[in-house]
């Protein structure tokens, strides 16, 4: 599947949560850019309480593959 290929190529795990700095590194963008995308609902961040955001690896893979169209994918597993 494409998600697995992207994760292998960029060396991250699909079912691991990443901090915002880690996600920015994986996506090869500046941290401020990723924050701006998240606030505009363009990046798949999950709020985990006050001032803490996490990104699932499979959502990062979808974002890399589909750009903003990641939102159209049902929030289930990779099957």
PDB file of N, CA and C in Angstrom:
ATOM      1  N   UNK A   1       0.841  -1.178   0.000  1.00  0.00           N
ATOM      2  CA  UNK A   1       0.000   0.000   0.000  1.00  0.00           C
ATOM      3  C   UNK A   1       0.894   1.251   0.000  1.00  0.00           C
ATOM      4  N   UNK A   2       0.369   2.339  -0.476  1.00  0.00           N
ATOM      5  CA  UNK A   2       1.155   3.556  -0.605  1.00  0.00           C
ATOM      6  C   UNK A   2       1.594   4.131   0.736  1.00  0.00           C
ATOM      7  N   UNK A   3       0.744   4.036   1.743  1.00  0.00           N
ATOM      8  CA  UNK A   3       1.125   4.560   3.062  1.00  0.00           C
ATOM      9  C   UNK A   3       2.408   3.903   3.565  1.00  0.00           C
ATOM     10  N   UNK A   4       2.460   2.591   3.458  1.00  0.00           N
ATOM     11  CA  UNK A   4       3.642   1.866   3.926  1.00  0.00           C
ATOM     12  C   UNK A   4       4.884   2.270   3.150  1.00  0.00           C
ATOM     13  N   UNK A   5       4.741   2.473   1.850  1.00  0.00           N
ATOM     14  CA  UNK A   5       5.882   2.879   1.021  1.00  0.00           C
ATOM     15  C   UNK A   5       6.388   4.257   1.428  1.00  0.00           C
ATOM     16  N   UNK A   6       5.476   5.179   1.704  1.00  0.00           N
ATOM     17  CA  UNK A   6       5.875   6.522   2.130  1.00  0.00           C
ATOM     18  C   UNK A   6       6.569   6.449   3.484  1.00  0.00           C
ATOM     19  N   UNK A   7       6.004   5.694   4.415  1.00  0.00           N
ATOM     20  CA  UNK A   7       6.600   5.564   5.745  1.00  0.00           C
ATOM     21  C   UNK A   7       7.996   4.954   5.660  1.00  0.00           C
ATOM     22  N   UNK A   8       8.163   3.972   4.814  1.00  0.00           N
ATOM     23  CA  UNK A   8       9.470   3.347   4.643  1.00  0.00           C
ATOM     24  C   UNK A   8      10.465   4.329   4.026  1.00  0.00           C
ATOM     25  N   UNK A   9      10.037   5.038   3.010  1.00  0.00           N
ATOM     26  CA  UNK A   9      10.909   5.999   2.329  1.00  0.00           C
ATOM     27  C   UNK A   9      11.365   7.129   3.258  1.00  0.00           C
ATOM     28  N   UNK A  10      10.444   7.622   4.093  1.00  0.00           N
ATOM     29  CA  UNK A  10      10.760   8.757   4.970  1.00  0.00           C
ATOM     30  C   UNK A  10      11.102   8.331   6.398  1.00  0.00           C
ATOM     31  N   UNK A  11      11.180   7.032   6.618  1.00  0.00           N
ATOM     32  CA  UNK A  11      11.641   6.459   7.877  1.00  0.00           C
ATOM     33  C   UNK A  11      10.821   6.892   9.096  1.00  0.00           C
ATOM     34  N   UNK A  12       9.521   6.619   9.049  1.00  0.00           N
ATOM     35  CA  UNK A  12       8.669   6.827  10.215  1.00  0.00           C
ATOM     36  C   UNK A  12       7.661   5.696  10.309  1.00  0.00           C
ATOM     37  N   UNK A  13       7.004   5.589  11.446  1.00  0.00           N
ATOM     38  CA  UNK A  13       6.052   4.505  11.710  1.00  0.00           C
ATOM     39  C   UNK A  13       4.629   5.016  11.533  1.00  0.00           C
ATOM     40  N   UNK A  14       3.792   4.215  10.908  1.00  0.00           N
ATOM     41  CA  UNK A  14       2.412   4.618  10.656  1.00  0.00           C
ATOM     42  C   UNK A  14       1.589   4.736  11.933  1.00  0.00           C
ATOM     43  N   UNK A  15       1.787   3.830  12.873  1.00  0.00           N
ATOM     44  CA  UNK A  15       0.944   3.814  14.067  1.00  0.00           C
ATOM     45  C   UNK A  15       1.691   4.305  15.294  1.00  0.00           C
ATOM     46  N   UNK A  16       2.396   5.392  15.118  1.00  0.00           N
ATOM     47  CA  UNK A  16       3.066   6.082  16.207  1.00  0.00           C
ATOM     48  C   UNK A  16       2.626   7.536  16.161  1.00  0.00           C
ATOM     49  N   UNK A  17       2.511   8.144  17.331  1.00  0.00           N
ATOM     50  CA  UNK A  17       2.192   9.565  17.380  1.00  0.00           C
ATOM     51  C   UNK A  17       3.484  10.365  17.470  1.00  0.00           C
ATOM     52  N   UNK A  18       3.524  11.460  16.707  1.00  0.00           N
ATOM     53  CA  UNK A  18       4.705  12.310  16.652  1.00  0.00           C
ATOM     54  C   UNK A  18       4.370  13.699  17.172  1.00  0.00           C
ATOM     55  N   UNK A  19       5.332  14.304  17.851  1.00  0.00           N
ATOM     56  CA  UNK A  19       5.169  15.679  18.311  1.00  0.00           C
ATOM     57  C   UNK A  19       5.173  16.607  17.096  1.00  0.00           C
ATOM     58  N   UNK A  20       4.804  17.842  17.320  1.00  0.00           N
ATOM     59  CA  UNK A  20       4.777  18.789  16.210  1.00  0.00           C
ATOM     60  C   UNK A  20       6.173  19.029  15.613  1.00  0.00           C
ATOM     61  N   UNK A  21       7.213  19.186  16.415  1.00  0.00           N
ATOM     62  CA  UNK A  21       8.552  19.322  15.811  1.00  0.00           C
ATOM     63  C   UNK A  21       8.969  18.067  15.018  1.00  0.00           C
ATOM     64  N   UNK A  22       8.631  16.881  15.536  1.00  0.00           N
ATOM     65  CA  UNK A  22       8.961  15.647  14.805  1.00  0.00           C
ATOM     66  C   UNK A  22       8.189  15.573  13.494  1.00  0.00           C
ATOM     67  N   UNK A  23       6.911  15.942  13.520  1.00  0.00           N
ATOM     68  CA  UNK A  23       6.094  15.913  12.308  1.00  0.00           C
ATOM     69  C   UNK A  23       6.621  16.898  11.272  1.00  0.00           C
ATOM     70  N   UNK A  24       7.026  18.083  11.716  1.00  0.00           N
ATOM     71  CA  UNK A  24       7.594  19.069  10.788  1.00  0.00           C
ATOM     72  C   UNK A  24       8.859  18.516  10.134  1.00  0.00           C
ATOM     73  N   UNK A  25       9.679  17.829  10.914  1.00  0.00           N
ATOM     74  CA  UNK A  25      10.896  17.214  10.372  1.00  0.00           C
ATOM     75  C   UNK A  25      10.544  16.147   9.337  1.00  0.00           C
ATOM     76  N   UNK A  26       9.572  15.298   9.642  1.00  0.00           N
ATOM     77  CA  UNK A  26       9.160  14.237   8.716  1.00  0.00           C
ATOM     78  C   UNK A  26       8.627  14.837   7.420  1.00  0.00           C
ATOM     79  N   UNK A  27       7.809  15.892   7.545  1.00  0.00           N
ATOM     80  CA  UNK A  27       7.207  16.525   6.366  1.00  0.00           C
ATOM     81  C   UNK A  27       8.168  17.443   5.621  1.00  0.00           C
ATOM     82  N   UNK A  28       9.350  17.672   6.226  1.00  0.00           N
ATOM     83  CA  UNK A  28      10.374  18.528   5.621  1.00  0.00           C
ATOM     84  C   UNK A  28       9.885  19.969   5.460  1.00  0.00           C
ATOM     85  N   UNK A  29       9.194  20.472   6.494  1.00  0.00           N
ATOM     86  CA  UNK A  29       8.737  21.864   6.500  1.00  0.00           C
ATOM     87  C   UNK A  29       9.164  22.517   7.805  1.00  0.00           C
ATOM     88  N   UNK A  30       9.148  23.822   7.832  1.00  0.00           N
ATOM     89  CA  UNK A  30       9.459  24.571   9.036  1.00  0.00           C
ATOM     90  C   UNK A  30       8.339  24.378  10.054  1.00  0.00           C
ATOM     91  N   UNK A  31       8.687  24.380  11.325  1.00  0.00           N
ATOM     92  CA  UNK A  31       7.701  24.203  12.389  1.00  0.00           C
ATOM     93  C   UNK A  31       6.606  25.260  12.317  1.00  0.00           C
ATOM     94  N   UNK A  32       6.962  26.498  12.042  1.00  0.00           N
ATOM     95  CA  UNK A  32       5.945  27.553  11.962  1.00  0.00           C
ATOM     96  C   UNK A  32       4.977  27.309  10.805  1.00  0.00           C
ATOM     97  N   UNK A  33       5.464  26.736   9.721  1.00  0.00           N
ATOM     98  CA  UNK A  33       4.595  26.400   8.588  1.00  0.00           C
ATOM     99  C   UNK A  33       3.597  25.324   8.982  1.00  0.00           C
ATOM    100  N   UNK A  34       4.067  24.288   9.653  1.00  0.00           N
ATOM    101  CA  UNK A  34       3.170  23.217  10.085  1.00  0.00           C
ATOM    102  C   UNK A  34       2.126  23.742  11.056  1.00  0.00           C
ATOM    103  N   UNK A  35       2.522  24.589  11.984  1.00  0.00           N
ATOM    104  CA  UNK A  35       1.561  25.177  12.925  1.00  0.00           C
ATOM    105  C   UNK A  35       0.503  25.996  12.188  1.00  0.00           C
ATOM    106  N   UNK A  36       0.934  26.765  11.215  1.00  0.00           N
ATOM    107  CA  UNK A  36       0.000  27.572  10.428  1.00  0.00           C
ATOM    108  C   UNK A  36      -0.980  26.674   9.671  1.00  0.00           C
ATOM    109  N   UNK A  37      -0.475  25.592   9.075  1.00  0.00           N
ATOM    110  CA  UNK A  37      -1.351  24.646   8.367  1.00  0.00           C
ATOM    111  C   UNK A  37      -2.357  24.024   9.326  1.00  0.00           C
ATOM    112  N   UNK A  38      -1.890  23.637  10.527  1.00  0.00           N
ATOM    113  CA  UNK A  38      -2.789  23.000  11.492  1.00  0.00           C
ATOM    114  C   UNK A  38      -3.896  23.958  11.917  1.00  0.00           C
ATOM    115  N   UNK A  39      -3.526  25.190  12.208  1.00  0.00           N
ATOM    116  CA  UNK A  39      -4.524  26.183  12.637  1.00  0.00           C
ATOM    117  C   UNK A  39      -5.552  26.458  11.545  1.00  0.00           C
ATOM    118  N   UNK A  40      -5.136  26.330  10.283  1.00  0.00           N
ATOM    119  CA  UNK A  40      -6.049  26.517   9.151  1.00  0.00           C
ATOM    120  C   UNK A  40      -6.748  25.216   8.768  1.00  0.00           C
ATOM    121  N   UNK A  41      -6.579  24.175   9.583  1.00  0.00           N
ATOM    122  CA  UNK A  41      -7.154  22.848   9.336  1.00  0.00           C
ATOM    123  C   UNK A  41      -6.664  22.238   8.024  1.00  0.00           C
ATOM    124  N   UNK A  42      -5.429  22.511   7.667  1.00  0.00           N
ATOM    125  CA  UNK A  42      -4.828  21.937   6.461  1.00  0.00           C
ATOM    126  C   UNK A  42      -3.883  20.794   6.782  1.00  0.00           C
ATOM    127  N   UNK A  43      -3.515  20.638   8.047  1.00  0.00           N
ATOM    128  CA  UNK A  43      -2.622  19.559   8.475  1.00  0.00           C
ATOM    129  C   UNK A  43      -3.351  18.728   9.541  1.00  0.00           C
ATOM    130  N   UNK A  44      -3.075  17.423   9.599  1.00  0.00           N
ATOM    131  CA  UNK A  44      -3.842  16.490  10.425  1.00  0.00           C
ATOM    132  C   UNK A  44      -3.420  16.394  11.887  1.00  0.00           C
ATOM    133  N   UNK A  45      -3.277  17.487  12.582  1.00  0.00           N
ATOM    134  CA  UNK A  45      -2.885  17.454  13.994  1.00  0.00           C
ATOM    135  C   UNK A  45      -4.036  17.084  14.908  1.00  0.00           C
ATOM    136  N   UNK A  46      -3.701  16.472  16.043  1.00  0.00           N
ATOM    137  CA  UNK A  46      -4.692  16.084  17.048  1.00  0.00           C
ATOM    138  C   UNK A  46      -4.325  16.785  18.351  1.00  0.00           C
ATOM    139  N   UNK A  47      -5.246  17.585  18.885  1.00  0.00           N
ATOM    140  CA  UNK A  47      -4.997  18.244  20.163  1.00  0.00           C
ATOM    141  C   UNK A  47      -5.073  17.220  21.281  1.00  0.00           C
ATOM    142  N   UNK A  48      -4.039  17.191  22.101  1.00  0.00           N
ATOM    143  CA  UNK A  48      -3.951  16.232  23.211  1.00  0.00           C
ATOM    144  C   UNK A  48      -3.924  16.964  24.541  1.00  0.00           C
ATOM    145  N   UNK A  49      -4.662  18.029  24.639  1.00  0.00           N
ATOM    146  CA  UNK A  49      -4.652  18.819  25.855  1.00  0.00           C
ATOM    147  C   UNK A  49      -4.078  20.183  25.571  1.00  0.00           C
ATOM    148  N   UNK A  50      -3.961  20.950  26.618  1.00  0.00           N
ATOM    149  CA  UNK A  50      -3.484  22.309  26.461  1.00  0.00           C
ATOM    150  C   UNK A  50      -2.039  22.338  25.976  1.00  0.00           C
ATOM    151  N   UNK A  51      -1.833  22.992  24.848  1.00  0.00           N
ATOM    152  CA  UNK A  51      -0.505  23.216  24.268  1.00  0.00           C
ATOM    153  C   UNK A  51       0.236  21.940  23.882  1.00  0.00           C
ATOM    154  N   UNK A  52      -0.488  20.887  23.573  1.00  0.00           N
ATOM    155  CA  UNK A  52       0.158  19.650  23.148  1.00  0.00           C
ATOM    156  C   UNK A  52      -0.570  19.099  21.923  1.00  0.00           C
ATOM    157  N   UNK A  53       0.164  18.922  20.840  1.00  0.00           N
ATOM    158  CA  UNK A  53      -0.395  18.433  19.582  1.00  0.00           C
ATOM    159  C   UNK A  53       0.391  17.209  19.160  1.00  0.00           C
ATOM    160  N   UNK A  54      -0.300  16.212  18.649  1.00  0.00           N
ATOM    161  CA  UNK A  54       0.341  15.002  18.142  1.00  0.00           C
ATOM    162  C   UNK A  54      -0.161  14.723  16.732  1.00  0.00           C
ATOM    163  N   UNK A  55       0.657  14.013  15.985  1.00  0.00           N
ATOM    164  CA  UNK A  55       0.335  13.637  14.610  1.00  0.00           C
ATOM    165  C   UNK A  55       0.529  12.135  14.457  1.00  0.00           C
ATOM    166  N   UNK A  56      -0.503  11.425  14.035  1.00  0.00           N
ATOM    167  CA  UNK A  56      -0.367  10.001  13.738  1.00  0.00           C
ATOM    168  C   UNK A  56       0.446   9.848  12.469  1.00  0.00           C
ATOM    169  N   UNK A  57       1.296   8.839  12.435  1.00  0.00           N
ATOM    170  CA  UNK A  57       2.123   8.584  11.269  1.00  0.00           C
ATOM    171  C   UNK A  57       1.309   8.329  10.011  1.00  0.00           C
ATOM    172  N   UNK A  58       0.201   7.593  10.145  1.00  0.00           N
ATOM    173  CA  UNK A  58      -0.593   7.305   8.950  1.00  0.00           C
ATOM    174  C   UNK A  58      -1.251   8.570   8.398  1.00  0.00           C
ATOM    175  N   UNK A  59      -1.559   9.530   9.272  1.00  0.00           N
ATOM    176  CA  UNK A  59      -2.115  10.801   8.804  1.00  0.00           C
ATOM    177  C   UNK A  59      -1.031  11.628   8.095  1.00  0.00           C
ATOM    178  N   UNK A  60       0.201  11.545   8.587  1.00  0.00           N
ATOM    179  CA  UNK A  60       1.307  12.226   7.904  1.00  0.00           C
ATOM    180  C   UNK A  60       1.518  11.631   6.510  1.00  0.00           C
ATOM    181  N   UNK A  61       1.428  10.304   6.414  1.00  0.00           N
ATOM    182  CA  UNK A  61       1.573   9.649   5.112  1.00  0.00           C
ATOM    183  C   UNK A  61       0.462  10.096   4.166  1.00  0.00           C
ATOM    184  N   UNK A  62      -0.773  10.146   4.664  1.00  0.00           N
ATOM    185  CA  UNK A  62      -1.885  10.622   3.834  1.00  0.00           C
ATOM    186  C   UNK A  62      -1.650  12.060   3.385  1.00  0.00           C
ATOM    187  N   UNK A  63      -1.167  12.878   4.296  1.00  0.00           N
ATOM    188  CA  UNK A  63      -0.906  14.273   3.974  1.00  0.00           C
ATOM    189  C   UNK A  63       0.170  14.380   2.898  1.00  0.00           C
ATOM    190  N   UNK A  64       1.201  13.549   2.986  1.00  0.00           N
ATOM    191  CA  UNK A  64       2.260  13.562   1.975  1.00  0.00           C
ATOM    192  C   UNK A  64       1.733  13.109   0.614  1.00  0.00           C
ATOM    193  N   UNK A  65       0.844  12.132   0.633  1.00  0.00           N
ATOM    194  CA  UNK A  65       0.312  11.586  -0.613  1.00  0.00           C
ATOM    195  C   UNK A  65      -0.759  12.466  -1.243  1.00  0.00           C
ATOM    196  N   UNK A  66      -1.609  13.062  -0.406  1.00  0.00           N
ATOM    197  CA  UNK A  66      -2.809  13.718  -0.911  1.00  0.00           C
ATOM    198  C   UNK A  66      -2.891  15.217  -0.666  1.00  0.00           C
ATOM    199  N   UNK A  67      -1.970  15.771   0.080  1.00  0.00           N
ATOM    200  CA  UNK A  67      -2.058  17.193   0.392  1.00  0.00           C
ATOM    201  C   UNK A  67      -3.292  17.467   1.239  1.00  0.00           C
ATOM    202  N   UNK A  68      -4.008  18.519   0.933  1.00  0.00           N
ATOM    203  CA  UNK A  68      -5.178  18.892   1.722  1.00  0.00           C
ATOM    204  C   UNK A  68      -6.329  17.914   1.577  1.00  0.00           C
ATOM    205  N   UNK A  69      -6.297  17.036   0.614  1.00  0.00           N
ATOM    206  CA  UNK A  69      -7.383  16.065   0.438  1.00  0.00           C
ATOM    207  C   UNK A  69      -7.361  14.960   1.485  1.00  0.00           C
ATOM    208  N   UNK A  70      -6.376  14.966   2.405  1.00  0.00           N
ATOM    209  CA  UNK A  70      -6.327  13.971   3.481  1.00  0.00           C
ATOM    210  C   UNK A  70      -7.606  13.999   4.302  1.00  0.00           C
ATOM    211  N   UNK A  71      -8.277  15.150   4.355  1.00  0.00           N
ATOM    212  CA  UNK A  71      -9.491  15.273   5.173  1.00  0.00           C
ATOM    213  C   UNK A  71     -10.633  14.441   4.630  1.00  0.00           C
ATOM    214  N   UNK A  72     -10.579  14.065   3.357  1.00  0.00           N
ATOM    215  CA  UNK A  72     -11.666  13.291   2.749  1.00  0.00           C
ATOM    216  C   UNK A  72     -11.573  11.804   3.069  1.00  0.00           C
ATOM    217  N   UNK A  73     -10.494  11.377   3.693  1.00  0.00           N
ATOM    218  CA  UNK A  73     -10.313   9.962   4.024  1.00  0.00           C
ATOM    219  C   UNK A  73     -10.980   9.691   5.373  1.00  0.00           C
ATOM    220  N   UNK A  74     -11.797   8.633   5.492  1.00  0.00           N
ATOM    221  CA  UNK A  74     -12.414   8.314   6.772  1.00  0.00           C
ATOM    222  C   UNK A  74     -11.366   8.064   7.845  1.00  0.00           C
ATOM    223  N   UNK A  75     -11.614   8.513   9.040  1.00  0.00           N
ATOM    224  CA  UNK A  75     -10.652   8.372  10.147  1.00  0.00           C
ATOM    225  C   UNK A  75     -10.785   6.981  10.751  1.00  0.00           C
ATOM    226  N   UNK A  76     -10.209   5.992  10.065  1.00  0.00           N
ATOM    227  CA  UNK A  76     -10.231   4.611  10.524  1.00  0.00           C
ATOM    228  C   UNK A  76      -8.803   4.095  10.534  1.00  0.00           C
ATOM    229  N   UNK A  77      -8.614   2.832  10.282  1.00  0.00           N
ATOM    230  CA  UNK A  77      -7.265   2.294  10.196  1.00  0.00           C
ATOM    231  C   UNK A  77      -6.800   2.291   8.747  1.00  0.00           C
ATOM    232  N   UNK A  78      -5.634   1.735   8.508  1.00  0.00           N
ATOM    233  CA  UNK A  78      -5.066   1.793   7.153  1.00  0.00           C
ATOM    234  C   UNK A  78      -5.630   0.748   6.211  1.00  0.00           C
ATOM    235  N   UNK A  79      -6.555  -0.079   6.676  1.00  0.00           N
ATOM    236  CA  UNK A  79      -7.113  -1.121   5.797  1.00  0.00           C
ATOM    237  C   UNK A  79      -8.078  -0.542   4.829  1.00  0.00           C
TER     238      UNK A  79
END
